[in-house]
Amino acid sequence: MYNFGVVMTDEEKKLLSTFEARLRHLIYLHDELKRENAELKQLLEDKEEEYKKVQAEYKELELSYTNLKTATTISLNGSDVKETKLRLSKLVREVDKCIALLNE
């Protein structure tokens, strides 16, 4: 304890000691919360990265499903000719758009 020419009573010394203990405890709690916050931020980043991977996988699976559905529709033996024609027309339009984009 610092003594700057002031004489403290036992009660004041006890209060100062209690204050210092509580202050040290608050600093400890603050450090713990900072550590926990950093851990939670890292966990959030990990989850966001995992979410992006799942989204990419979903899009890939969706594309595979569409391709499989198209292949199945095309391979039908005349049972659903109208739907097959519509799908082929859609594919041709998509190819035409791609060609137009390449020509720009």
PDB file of N, CA and C in Angstrom:
ATOM      1  N   MET A   1       0.829  -1.175   0.000  1.00  0.00           N
ATOM      2  CA  MET A   1       0.000   0.000   0.000  1.00  0.00           C
ATOM      3  C   MET A   1       0.877   1.244   0.000  1.00  0.00           C
ATOM      4  N   TYR A   2       0.386   2.239  -0.689  1.00  0.00           N
ATOM      5  CA  TYR A   2       1.124   3.487  -0.786  1.00  0.00           C
ATOM      6  C   TYR A   2       0.729   4.414   0.361  1.00  0.00           C
ATOM      7  N   ASN A   3       1.726   5.118   0.916  1.00  0.00           N
ATOM      8  CA  ASN A   3       1.464   6.050   2.011  1.00  0.00           C
ATOM      9  C   ASN A   3       1.986   7.412   1.582  1.00  0.00           C
ATOM     10  N   PHE A   4       1.077   8.322   1.302  1.00  0.00           N
ATOM     11  CA  PHE A   4       1.443   9.662   0.862  1.00  0.00           C
ATOM     12  C   PHE A   4       1.261  10.677   1.988  1.00  0.00           C
ATOM     13  N   GLY A   5       1.724  10.355   3.132  1.00  0.00           N
ATOM     14  CA  GLY A   5       1.596  11.253   4.267  1.00  0.00           C
ATOM     15  C   GLY A   5       0.225  11.208   4.902  1.00  0.00           C
ATOM     16  N   VAL A   6      -0.609  10.299   4.447  1.00  0.00           N
ATOM     17  CA  VAL A   6      -1.956  10.174   4.980  1.00  0.00           C
ATOM     18  C   VAL A   6      -2.006   8.874   5.780  1.00  0.00           C
ATOM     19  N   VAL A   7      -2.477   8.965   6.958  1.00  0.00           N
ATOM     20  CA  VAL A   7      -2.587   7.788   7.808  1.00  0.00           C
ATOM     21  C   VAL A   7      -3.998   7.240   7.654  1.00  0.00           C
ATOM     22  N   MET A   8      -4.064   5.955   7.260  1.00  0.00           N
ATOM     23  CA  MET A   8      -5.371   5.340   7.049  1.00  0.00           C
ATOM     24  C   MET A   8      -5.754   4.526   8.279  1.00  0.00           C
ATOM     25  N   THR A   9      -7.007   4.534   8.527  1.00  0.00           N
ATOM     26  CA  THR A   9      -7.506   3.724   9.634  1.00  0.00           C
ATOM     27  C   THR A   9      -7.619   2.281   9.173  1.00  0.00           C
ATOM     28  N   ASP A  10      -7.808   1.386  10.115  1.00  0.00           N
ATOM     29  CA  ASP A  10      -7.959  -0.029   9.767  1.00  0.00           C
ATOM     30  C   ASP A  10      -9.174  -0.240   8.866  1.00  0.00           C
ATOM     31  N   GLU A  11     -10.235   0.488   9.121  1.00  0.00           N
ATOM     32  CA  GLU A  11     -11.450   0.372   8.306  1.00  0.00           C
ATOM     33  C   GLU A  11     -11.169   0.814   6.869  1.00  0.00           C
ATOM     34  N   GLU A  12     -10.436   1.890   6.688  1.00  0.00           N
ATOM     35  CA  GLU A  12     -10.088   2.379   5.346  1.00  0.00           C
ATOM     36  C   GLU A  12      -9.159   1.397   4.645  1.00  0.00           C
ATOM     37  N   LYS A  13      -8.235   0.810   5.381  1.00  0.00           N
ATOM     38  CA  LYS A  13      -7.339  -0.191   4.796  1.00  0.00           C
ATOM     39  C   LYS A  13      -8.134  -1.415   4.339  1.00  0.00           C
ATOM     40  N   LYS A  14      -9.104  -1.804   5.136  1.00  0.00           N
ATOM     41  CA  LYS A  14      -9.944  -2.950   4.794  1.00  0.00           C
ATOM     42  C   LYS A  14     -10.765  -2.635   3.551  1.00  0.00           C
ATOM     43  N   LEU A  15     -11.342  -1.438   3.475  1.00  0.00           N
ATOM     44  CA  LEU A  15     -12.116  -1.028   2.304  1.00  0.00           C
ATOM     45  C   LEU A  15     -11.240  -0.989   1.046  1.00  0.00           C
ATOM     46  N   LEU A  16     -10.033  -0.453   1.181  1.00  0.00           N
ATOM     47  CA  LEU A  16      -9.118  -0.391   0.046  1.00  0.00           C
ATOM     48  C   LEU A  16      -8.740  -1.788  -0.405  1.00  0.00           C
ATOM     49  N   SER A  17      -8.486  -2.658   0.527  1.00  0.00           N
ATOM     50  CA  SER A  17      -8.139  -4.042   0.207  1.00  0.00           C
ATOM     51  C   SER A  17      -9.293  -4.734  -0.519  1.00  0.00           C
ATOM     52  N   THR A  18     -10.503  -4.522  -0.018  1.00  0.00           N
ATOM     53  CA  THR A  18     -11.694  -5.093  -0.665  1.00  0.00           C
ATOM     54  C   THR A  18     -11.853  -4.544  -2.071  1.00  0.00           C
ATOM     55  N   PHE A  19     -11.653  -3.238  -2.226  1.00  0.00           N
ATOM     56  CA  PHE A  19     -11.747  -2.603  -3.547  1.00  0.00           C
ATOM     57  C   PHE A  19     -10.731  -3.206  -4.512  1.00  0.00           C
ATOM     58  N   GLU A  20      -9.479  -3.357  -4.053  1.00  0.00           N
ATOM     59  CA  GLU A  20      -8.435  -3.928  -4.908  1.00  0.00           C
ATOM     60  C   GLU A  20      -8.775  -5.360  -5.306  1.00  0.00           C
ATOM     61  N   ALA A  21      -9.296  -6.143  -4.372  1.00  0.00           N
ATOM     62  CA  ALA A  21      -9.667  -7.529  -4.671  1.00  0.00           C
ATOM     63  C   ALA A  21     -10.782  -7.571  -5.702  1.00  0.00           C
ATOM     64  N   ARG A  22     -11.778  -6.718  -5.535  1.00  0.00           N
ATOM     65  CA  ARG A  22     -12.892  -6.686  -6.482  1.00  0.00           C
ATOM     66  C   ARG A  22     -12.433  -6.199  -7.849  1.00  0.00           C
ATOM     67  N   LEU A  23     -11.535  -5.234  -7.869  1.00  0.00           N
ATOM     68  CA  LEU A  23     -11.002  -4.726  -9.129  1.00  0.00           C
ATOM     69  C   LEU A  23     -10.222  -5.826  -9.853  1.00  0.00           C
ATOM     70  N   ARG A  24      -9.377  -6.563  -9.118  1.00  0.00           N
ATOM     71  CA  ARG A  24      -8.641  -7.675  -9.723  1.00  0.00           C
ATOM     72  C   ARG A  24      -9.602  -8.722 -10.274  1.00  0.00           C
ATOM     73  N   HIS A  25     -10.683  -8.978  -9.532  1.00  0.00           N
ATOM     74  CA  HIS A  25     -11.681  -9.956  -9.988  1.00  0.00           C
ATOM     75  C   HIS A  25     -12.374  -9.471 -11.266  1.00  0.00           C
ATOM     76  N   LEU A  26     -12.716  -8.184 -11.319  1.00  0.00           N
ATOM     77  CA  LEU A  26     -13.328  -7.625 -12.527  1.00  0.00           C
ATOM     78  C   LEU A  26     -12.388  -7.714 -13.728  1.00  0.00           C
ATOM     79  N   ILE A  27     -11.117  -7.445 -13.503  1.00  0.00           N
ATOM     80  CA  ILE A  27     -10.132  -7.545 -14.587  1.00  0.00           C
ATOM     81  C   ILE A  27     -10.043  -8.985 -15.071  1.00  0.00           C
ATOM     82  N   TYR A  28     -10.055  -9.924 -14.131  1.00  0.00           N
ATOM     83  CA  TYR A  28     -10.030 -11.349 -14.485  1.00  0.00           C
ATOM     84  C   TYR A  28     -11.269 -11.709 -15.314  1.00  0.00           C
ATOM     85  N   LEU A  29     -12.446 -11.278 -14.862  1.00  0.00           N
ATOM     86  CA  LEU A  29     -13.670 -11.563 -15.603  1.00  0.00           C
ATOM     87  C   LEU A  29     -13.640 -10.940 -16.998  1.00  0.00           C
ATOM     88  N   HIS A  30     -13.097  -9.743 -17.077  1.00  0.00           N
ATOM     89  CA  HIS A  30     -12.972  -9.071 -18.369  1.00  0.00           C
ATOM     90  C   HIS A  30     -12.088  -9.885 -19.319  1.00  0.00           C
ATOM     91  N   ASP A  31     -10.963 -10.361 -18.821  1.00  0.00           N
ATOM     92  CA  ASP A  31     -10.065 -11.175 -19.640  1.00  0.00           C
ATOM     93  C   ASP A  31     -10.737 -12.473 -20.080  1.00  0.00           C
ATOM     94  N   GLU A  32     -11.494 -13.078 -19.159  1.00  0.00           N
ATOM     95  CA  GLU A  32     -12.207 -14.309 -19.494  1.00  0.00           C
ATOM     96  C   GLU A  32     -13.247 -14.065 -20.585  1.00  0.00           C
ATOM     97  N   LEU A  33     -13.967 -12.960 -20.478  1.00  0.00           N
ATOM     98  CA  LEU A  33     -14.973 -12.632 -21.488  1.00  0.00           C
ATOM     99  C   LEU A  33     -14.332 -12.329 -22.843  1.00  0.00           C
ATOM    100  N   LYS A  34     -13.185 -11.671 -22.825  1.00  0.00           N
ATOM    101  CA  LYS A  34     -12.469 -11.414 -24.083  1.00  0.00           C
ATOM    102  C   LYS A  34     -12.052 -12.730 -24.730  1.00  0.00           C
ATOM    103  N   ARG A  35     -11.562 -13.665 -23.928  1.00  0.00           N
ATOM    104  CA  ARG A  35     -11.158 -14.974 -24.443  1.00  0.00           C
ATOM    105  C   ARG A  35     -12.366 -15.723 -25.015  1.00  0.00           C
ATOM    106  N   GLU A  36     -13.466 -15.715 -24.269  1.00  0.00           N
ATOM    107  CA  GLU A  36     -14.676 -16.389 -24.732  1.00  0.00           C
ATOM    108  C   GLU A  36     -15.201 -15.748 -26.015  1.00  0.00           C
ATOM    109  N   ASN A  37     -15.149 -14.434 -26.090  1.00  0.00           N
ATOM    110  CA  ASN A  37     -15.584 -13.716 -27.280  1.00  0.00           C
ATOM    111  C   ASN A  37     -14.741 -14.115 -28.492  1.00  0.00           C
ATOM    112  N   ALA A  38     -13.435 -14.211 -28.295  1.00  0.00           N
ATOM    113  CA  ALA A  38     -12.551 -14.619 -29.392  1.00  0.00           C
ATOM    114  C   ALA A  38     -12.887 -16.037 -29.848  1.00  0.00           C
ATOM    115  N   GLU A  39     -13.153 -16.930 -28.894  1.00  0.00           N
ATOM    116  CA  GLU A  39     -13.519 -18.305 -29.242  1.00  0.00           C
ATOM    117  C   GLU A  39     -14.827 -18.335 -30.023  1.00  0.00           C
ATOM    118  N   LEU A  40     -15.794 -17.545 -29.592  1.00  0.00           N
ATOM    119  CA  LEU A  40     -17.082 -17.511 -30.278  1.00  0.00           C
ATOM    120  C   LEU A  40     -16.959 -16.921 -31.682  1.00  0.00           C
ATOM    121  N   LYS A  41     -16.120 -15.914 -31.826  1.00  0.00           N
ATOM    122  CA  LYS A  41     -15.891 -15.349 -33.161  1.00  0.00           C
ATOM    123  C   LYS A  41     -15.271 -16.389 -34.084  1.00  0.00           C
ATOM    124  N   GLN A  42     -14.314 -17.157 -33.566  1.00  0.00           N
ATOM    125  CA  GLN A  42     -13.691 -18.199 -34.370  1.00  0.00           C
ATOM    126  C   GLN A  42     -14.708 -19.272 -34.735  1.00  0.00           C
ATOM    127  N   LEU A  43     -15.542 -19.644 -33.786  1.00  0.00           N
ATOM    128  CA  LEU A  43     -16.586 -20.635 -34.046  1.00  0.00           C
ATOM    129  C   LEU A  43     -17.551 -20.127 -35.111  1.00  0.00           C
ATOM    130  N   LEU A  44     -17.907 -18.855 -35.038  1.00  0.00           N
ATOM    131  CA  LEU A  44     -18.796 -18.264 -36.037  1.00  0.00           C
ATOM    132  C   LEU A  44     -18.152 -18.298 -37.419  1.00  0.00           C
ATOM    133  N   GLU A  45     -16.883 -17.950 -37.504  1.00  0.00           N
ATOM    134  CA  GLU A  45     -16.179 -17.999 -38.792  1.00  0.00           C
ATOM    135  C   GLU A  45     -16.161 -19.419 -39.345  1.00  0.00           C
ATOM    136  N   ASP A  46     -15.908 -20.396 -38.474  1.00  0.00           N
ATOM    137  CA  ASP A  46     -15.897 -21.799 -38.905  1.00  0.00           C
ATOM    138  C   ASP A  46     -17.263 -22.212 -39.431  1.00  0.00           C
ATOM    139  N   LYS A  47     -18.314 -21.811 -38.725  1.00  0.00           N
ATOM    140  CA  LYS A  47     -19.671 -22.168 -39.152  1.00  0.00           C
ATOM    141  C   LYS A  47     -20.038 -21.486 -40.460  1.00  0.00           C
ATOM    142  N   GLU A  48     -19.606 -20.243 -40.633  1.00  0.00           N
ATOM    143  CA  GLU A  48     -19.887 -19.541 -41.893  1.00  0.00           C
ATOM    144  C   GLU A  48     -19.174 -20.225 -43.059  1.00  0.00           C
ATOM    145  N   GLU A  49     -17.956 -20.666 -42.831  1.00  0.00           N
ATOM    146  CA  GLU A  49     -17.210 -21.374 -43.863  1.00  0.00           C
ATOM    147  C   GLU A  49     -17.891 -22.704 -44.186  1.00  0.00           C
ATOM    148  N   GLU A  50     -18.328 -23.399 -43.154  1.00  0.00           N
ATOM    149  CA  GLU A  50     -19.037 -24.665 -43.344  1.00  0.00           C
ATOM    150  C   GLU A  50     -20.331 -24.428 -44.116  1.00  0.00           C
ATOM    151  N   TYR A  51     -21.035 -23.343 -43.789  1.00  0.00           N
ATOM    152  CA  TYR A  51     -22.274 -23.005 -44.488  1.00  0.00           C
ATOM    153  C   TYR A  51     -22.015 -22.763 -45.979  1.00  0.00           C
ATOM    154  N   LYS A  52     -20.937 -22.041 -46.283  1.00  0.00           N
ATOM    155  CA  LYS A  52     -20.609 -21.774 -47.688  1.00  0.00           C
ATOM    156  C   LYS A  52     -20.319 -23.069 -48.430  1.00  0.00           C
ATOM    157  N   LYS A  53     -19.614 -23.990 -47.774  1.00  0.00           N
ATOM    158  CA  LYS A  53     -19.326 -25.283 -48.405  1.00  0.00           C
ATOM    159  C   LYS A  53     -20.608 -26.064 -48.665  1.00  0.00           C
ATOM    160  N   VAL A  54     -21.512 -26.040 -47.691  1.00  0.00           N
ATOM    161  CA  VAL A  54     -22.783 -26.758 -47.849  1.00  0.00           C
ATOM    162  C   VAL A  54     -23.602 -26.127 -48.970  1.00  0.00           C
ATOM    163  N   GLN A  55     -23.599 -24.797 -49.050  1.00  0.00           N
ATOM    164  CA  GLN A  55     -24.317 -24.109 -50.117  1.00  0.00           C
ATOM    165  C   GLN A  55     -23.759 -24.504 -51.492  1.00  0.00           C
ATOM    166  N   ALA A  56     -22.428 -24.535 -51.601  1.00  0.00           N
ATOM    167  CA  ALA A  56     -21.803 -24.910 -52.869  1.00  0.00           C
ATOM    168  C   ALA A  56     -22.157 -26.350 -53.231  1.00  0.00           C
ATOM    169  N   GLU A  57     -22.123 -27.222 -52.237  1.00  0.00           N
ATOM    170  CA  GLU A  57     -22.468 -28.628 -52.488  1.00  0.00           C
ATOM    171  C   GLU A  57     -23.935 -28.744 -52.907  1.00  0.00           C
ATOM    172  N   TYR A  58     -24.796 -27.966 -52.268  1.00  0.00           N
ATOM    173  CA  TYR A  58     -26.211 -27.974 -52.621  1.00  0.00           C
ATOM    174  C   TYR A  58     -26.408 -27.554 -54.079  1.00  0.00           C
ATOM    175  N   LYS A  59     -25.740 -26.488 -54.475  1.00  0.00           N
ATOM    176  CA  LYS A  59     -25.878 -26.016 -55.856  1.00  0.00           C
ATOM    177  C   LYS A  59     -25.376 -27.068 -56.841  1.00  0.00           C
ATOM    178  N   GLU A  60     -24.276 -27.711 -56.479  1.00  0.00           N
ATOM    179  CA  GLU A  60     -23.722 -28.766 -57.345  1.00  0.00           C
ATOM    180  C   GLU A  60     -24.703 -29.931 -57.456  1.00  0.00           C
ATOM    181  N   LEU A  61     -25.289 -30.322 -56.334  1.00  0.00           N
ATOM    182  CA  LEU A  61     -26.262 -31.415 -56.351  1.00  0.00           C
ATOM    183  C   LEU A  61     -27.520 -31.031 -57.124  1.00  0.00           C
ATOM    184  N   GLU A  62     -27.913 -29.781 -56.977  1.00  0.00           N
ATOM    185  CA  GLU A  62     -29.084 -29.306 -57.706  1.00  0.00           C
ATOM    186  C   GLU A  62     -28.838 -29.358 -59.213  1.00  0.00           C
ATOM    187  N   LEU A  63     -27.641 -28.962 -59.624  1.00  0.00           N
ATOM    188  CA  LEU A  63     -27.281 -29.023 -61.041  1.00  0.00           C
ATOM    189  C   LEU A  63     -27.242 -30.472 -61.518  1.00  0.00           C
ATOM    190  N   SER A  64     -26.660 -31.347 -60.695  1.00  0.00           N
ATOM    191  CA  SER A  64     -26.622 -32.767 -61.058  1.00  0.00           C
ATOM    192  C   SER A  64     -28.033 -33.325 -61.196  1.00  0.00           C
ATOM    193  N   TYR A  65     -28.911 -32.924 -60.283  1.00  0.00           N
ATOM    194  CA  TYR A  65     -30.294 -33.390 -60.344  1.00  0.00           C
ATOM    195  C   TYR A  65     -30.969 -32.917 -61.627  1.00  0.00           C
ATOM    196  N   THR A  66     -30.758 -31.653 -61.959  1.00  0.00           N
ATOM    197  CA  THR A  66     -31.347 -31.109 -63.183  1.00  0.00           C
ATOM    198  C   THR A  66     -30.818 -31.855 -64.411  1.00  0.00           C
ATOM    199  N   ASN A  67     -29.505 -32.101 -64.413  1.00  0.00           N
ATOM    200  CA  ASN A  67     -28.918 -32.838 -65.541  1.00  0.00           C
ATOM    201  C   ASN A  67     -29.460 -34.256 -65.622  1.00  0.00           C
ATOM    202  N   LEU A  68     -29.605 -34.893 -64.480  1.00  0.00           N
ATOM    203  CA  LEU A  68     -30.142 -36.253 -64.456  1.00  0.00           C
ATOM    204  C   LEU A  68     -31.582 -36.263 -64.929  1.00  0.00           C
ATOM    205  N   LYS A  69     -32.349 -35.274 -64.479  1.00  0.00           N
ATOM    206  CA  LYS A  69     -33.747 -35.179 -64.897  1.00  0.00           C
ATOM    207  C   LYS A  69     -33.831 -34.962 -66.404  1.00  0.00           C
ATOM    208  N   THR A  70     -32.942 -34.123 -66.928  1.00  0.00           N
ATOM    209  CA  THR A  70     -32.915 -33.872 -68.376  1.00  0.00           C
ATOM    210  C   THR A  70     -32.550 -35.148 -69.124  1.00  0.00           C
ATOM    211  N   ALA A  71     -31.525 -35.837 -68.625  1.00  0.00           N
ATOM    212  CA  ALA A  71     -31.099 -37.077 -69.280  1.00  0.00           C
ATOM    213  C   ALA A  71     -32.216 -38.112 -69.237  1.00  0.00           C
ATOM    214  N   THR A  72     -32.902 -38.180 -68.122  1.00  0.00           N
ATOM    215  CA  THR A  72     -34.006 -39.135 -68.004  1.00  0.00           C
ATOM    216  C   THR A  72     -35.143 -38.771 -68.943  1.00  0.00           C
ATOM    217  N   THR A  73     -35.437 -37.488 -69.040  1.00  0.00           N
ATOM    218  CA  THR A  73     -36.509 -37.029 -69.917  1.00  0.00           C
ATOM    219  C   THR A  73     -36.167 -37.313 -71.371  1.00  0.00           C
ATOM    220  N   ILE A  74     -34.905 -37.080 -71.726  1.00  0.00           N
ATOM    221  CA  ILE A  74     -34.478 -37.306 -73.109  1.00  0.00           C
ATOM    222  C   ILE A  74     -34.498 -38.793 -73.444  1.00  0.00           C
ATOM    223  N   SER A  75     -34.185 -39.622 -72.478  1.00  0.00           N
ATOM    224  CA  SER A  75     -34.092 -41.057 -72.749  1.00  0.00           C
ATOM    225  C   SER A  75     -35.450 -41.752 -72.744  1.00  0.00           C
ATOM    226  N   LEU A  76     -36.523 -41.029 -72.454  1.00  0.00           N
ATOM    227  CA  LEU A  76     -37.847 -41.645 -72.489  1.00  0.00           C
ATOM    228  C   LEU A  76     -38.162 -42.079 -73.915  1.00  0.00           C
ATOM    229  N   ASN A  77     -38.836 -43.158 -74.033  1.00  0.00           N
ATOM    230  CA  ASN A  77     -39.144 -43.711 -75.355  1.00  0.00           C
ATOM    231  C   ASN A  77     -40.493 -43.223 -75.853  1.00  0.00           C
ATOM    232  N   GLY A  78     -40.614 -41.926 -76.020  1.00  0.00           N
ATOM    233  CA  GLY A  78     -41.819 -41.357 -76.594  1.00  0.00           C
ATOM    234  C   GLY A  78     -42.990 -41.246 -75.630  1.00  0.00           C
ATOM    235  N   SER A  79     -42.810 -41.627 -74.388  1.00  0.00           N
ATOM    236  CA  SER A  79     -43.943 -41.598 -73.462  1.00  0.00           C
ATOM    237  C   SER A  79     -44.304 -40.169 -73.060  1.00  0.00           C
ATOM    238  N   ASP A  80     -43.304 -39.278 -73.031  1.00  0.00           N
ATOM    239  CA  ASP A  80     -43.592 -37.888 -72.665  1.00  0.00           C
ATOM    240  C   ASP A  80     -42.847 -36.972 -73.633  1.00  0.00           C
ATOM    241  N   VAL A  81     -43.231 -37.023 -74.869  1.00  0.00           N
ATOM    242  CA  VAL A  81     -42.546 -36.305 -75.937  1.00  0.00           C
ATOM    243  C   VAL A  81     -42.654 -34.791 -75.752  1.00  0.00           C
ATOM    244  N   LYS A  82     -43.795 -34.322 -75.280  1.00  0.00           N
ATOM    245  CA  LYS A  82     -43.991 -32.880 -75.125  1.00  0.00           C
ATOM    246  C   LYS A  82     -42.995 -32.300 -74.110  1.00  0.00           C
ATOM    247  N   GLU A  83     -42.868 -32.961 -72.968  1.00  0.00           N
ATOM    248  CA  GLU A  83     -41.927 -32.473 -71.951  1.00  0.00           C
ATOM    249  C   GLU A  83     -40.488 -32.550 -72.467  1.00  0.00           C
ATOM    250  N   THR A  84     -40.181 -33.597 -73.196  1.00  0.00           N
ATOM    251  CA  THR A  84     -38.842 -33.733 -73.761  1.00  0.00           C
ATOM    252  C   THR A  84     -38.546 -32.585 -74.718  1.00  0.00           C
ATOM    253  N   LYS A  85     -39.507 -32.262 -75.572  1.00  0.00           N
ATOM    254  CA  LYS A  85     -39.326 -31.163 -76.521  1.00  0.00           C
ATOM    255  C   LYS A  85     -39.125 -29.833 -75.782  1.00  0.00           C
ATOM    256  N   LEU A  86     -39.909 -29.611 -74.720  1.00  0.00           N
ATOM    257  CA  LEU A  86     -39.768 -28.383 -73.949  1.00  0.00           C
ATOM    258  C   LEU A  86     -38.376 -28.297 -73.320  1.00  0.00           C
ATOM    259  N   ARG A  87     -37.911 -29.391 -72.763  1.00  0.00           N
ATOM    260  CA  ARG A  87     -36.578 -29.393 -72.137  1.00  0.00           C
ATOM    261  C   ARG A  87     -35.485 -29.146 -73.180  1.00  0.00           C
ATOM    262  N   LEU A  88     -35.609 -29.790 -74.305  1.00  0.00           N
ATOM    263  CA  LEU A  88     -34.613 -29.590 -75.357  1.00  0.00           C
ATOM    264  C   LEU A  88     -34.635 -28.140 -75.860  1.00  0.00           C
ATOM    265  N   SER A  89     -35.813 -27.570 -75.986  1.00  0.00           N
ATOM    266  CA  SER A  89     -35.919 -26.169 -76.402  1.00  0.00           C
ATOM    267  C   SER A  89     -35.241 -25.265 -75.380  1.00  0.00           C
ATOM    268  N   LYS A  90     -35.459 -25.545 -74.113  1.00  0.00           N
ATOM    269  CA  LYS A  90     -34.827 -24.748 -73.053  1.00  0.00           C
ATOM    270  C   LYS A  90     -33.308 -24.871 -73.133  1.00  0.00           C
ATOM    271  N   LEU A  91     -32.818 -26.081 -73.343  1.00  0.00           N
ATOM    272  CA  LEU A  91     -31.370 -26.290 -73.456  1.00  0.00           C
ATOM    273  C   LEU A  91     -30.793 -25.543 -74.657  1.00  0.00           C
ATOM    274  N   VAL A  92     -31.512 -25.581 -75.766  1.00  0.00           N
ATOM    275  CA  VAL A  92     -31.048 -24.882 -76.969  1.00  0.00           C
ATOM    276  C   VAL A  92     -30.996 -23.377 -76.711  1.00  0.00           C
ATOM    277  N   ARG A  93     -32.006 -22.836 -76.025  1.00  0.00           N
ATOM    278  CA  ARG A  93     -31.997 -21.404 -75.702  1.00  0.00           C
ATOM    279  C   ARG A  93     -30.811 -21.063 -74.807  1.00  0.00           C
ATOM    280  N   GLU A  94     -30.522 -21.916 -73.821  1.00  0.00           N
ATOM    281  CA  GLU A  94     -29.378 -21.675 -72.943  1.00  0.00           C
ATOM    282  C   GLU A  94     -28.069 -21.692 -73.725  1.00  0.00           C
ATOM    283  N   VAL A  95     -27.944 -22.637 -74.648  1.00  0.00           N
ATOM    284  CA  VAL A  95     -26.733 -22.706 -75.475  1.00  0.00           C
ATOM    285  C   VAL A  95     -26.627 -21.462 -76.346  1.00  0.00           C
ATOM    286  N   ASP A  96     -27.746 -21.030 -76.906  1.00  0.00           N
ATOM    287  CA  ASP A  96     -27.748 -19.813 -77.730  1.00  0.00           C
ATOM    288  C   ASP A  96     -27.316 -18.595 -76.912  1.00  0.00           C
ATOM    289  N   LYS A  97     -27.786 -18.495 -75.667  1.00  0.00           N
ATOM    290  CA  LYS A  97     -27.377 -17.388 -74.807  1.00  0.00           C
ATOM    291  C   LYS A  97     -25.880 -17.428 -74.539  1.00  0.00           C
ATOM    292  N   CYS A  98     -25.370 -18.621 -74.298  1.00  0.00           N
ATOM    293  CA  CYS A  98     -23.932 -18.765 -74.037  1.00  0.00           C
ATOM    294  C   CYS A  98     -23.122 -18.352 -75.256  1.00  0.00           C
ATOM    295  N   ILE A  99     -23.561 -18.765 -76.411  1.00  0.00           N
ATOM    296  CA  ILE A  99     -22.863 -18.398 -77.636  1.00  0.00           C
ATOM    297  C   ILE A  99     -22.895 -16.887 -77.839  1.00  0.00           C
ATOM    298  N   ALA A 100     -24.055 -16.283 -77.573  1.00  0.00           N
ATOM    299  CA  ALA A 100     -24.179 -14.822 -77.712  1.00  0.00           C
ATOM    300  C   ALA A 100     -23.239 -14.121 -76.747  1.00  0.00           C
ATOM    301  N   LEU A 101     -23.118 -14.628 -75.523  1.00  0.00           N
ATOM    302  CA  LEU A 101     -22.211 -14.023 -74.543  1.00  0.00           C
ATOM    303  C   LEU A 101     -20.764 -14.155 -75.004  1.00  0.00           C
ATOM    304  N   LEU A 102     -20.415 -15.288 -75.591  1.00  0.00           N
ATOM    305  CA  LEU A 102     -19.045 -15.500 -76.066  1.00  0.00           C
ATOM    306  C   LEU A 102     -18.719 -14.592 -77.240  1.00  0.00           C
ATOM    307  N   ASN A 103     -19.708 -14.280 -78.054  1.00  0.00           N
ATOM    308  CA  ASN A 103     -19.486 -13.430 -79.221  1.00  0.00           C
ATOM    309  C   ASN A 103     -19.360 -11.961 -78.874  1.00  0.00           C
ATOM    310  N   GLU A 104     -19.765 -11.565 -77.667  1.00  0.00           N
ATOM    311  CA  GLU A 104     -19.687 -10.157 -77.295  1.00  0.00           C
ATOM    312  C   GLU A 104     -18.279  -9.713 -77.048  1.00  0.00           C
TER     313      GLU A 104
END
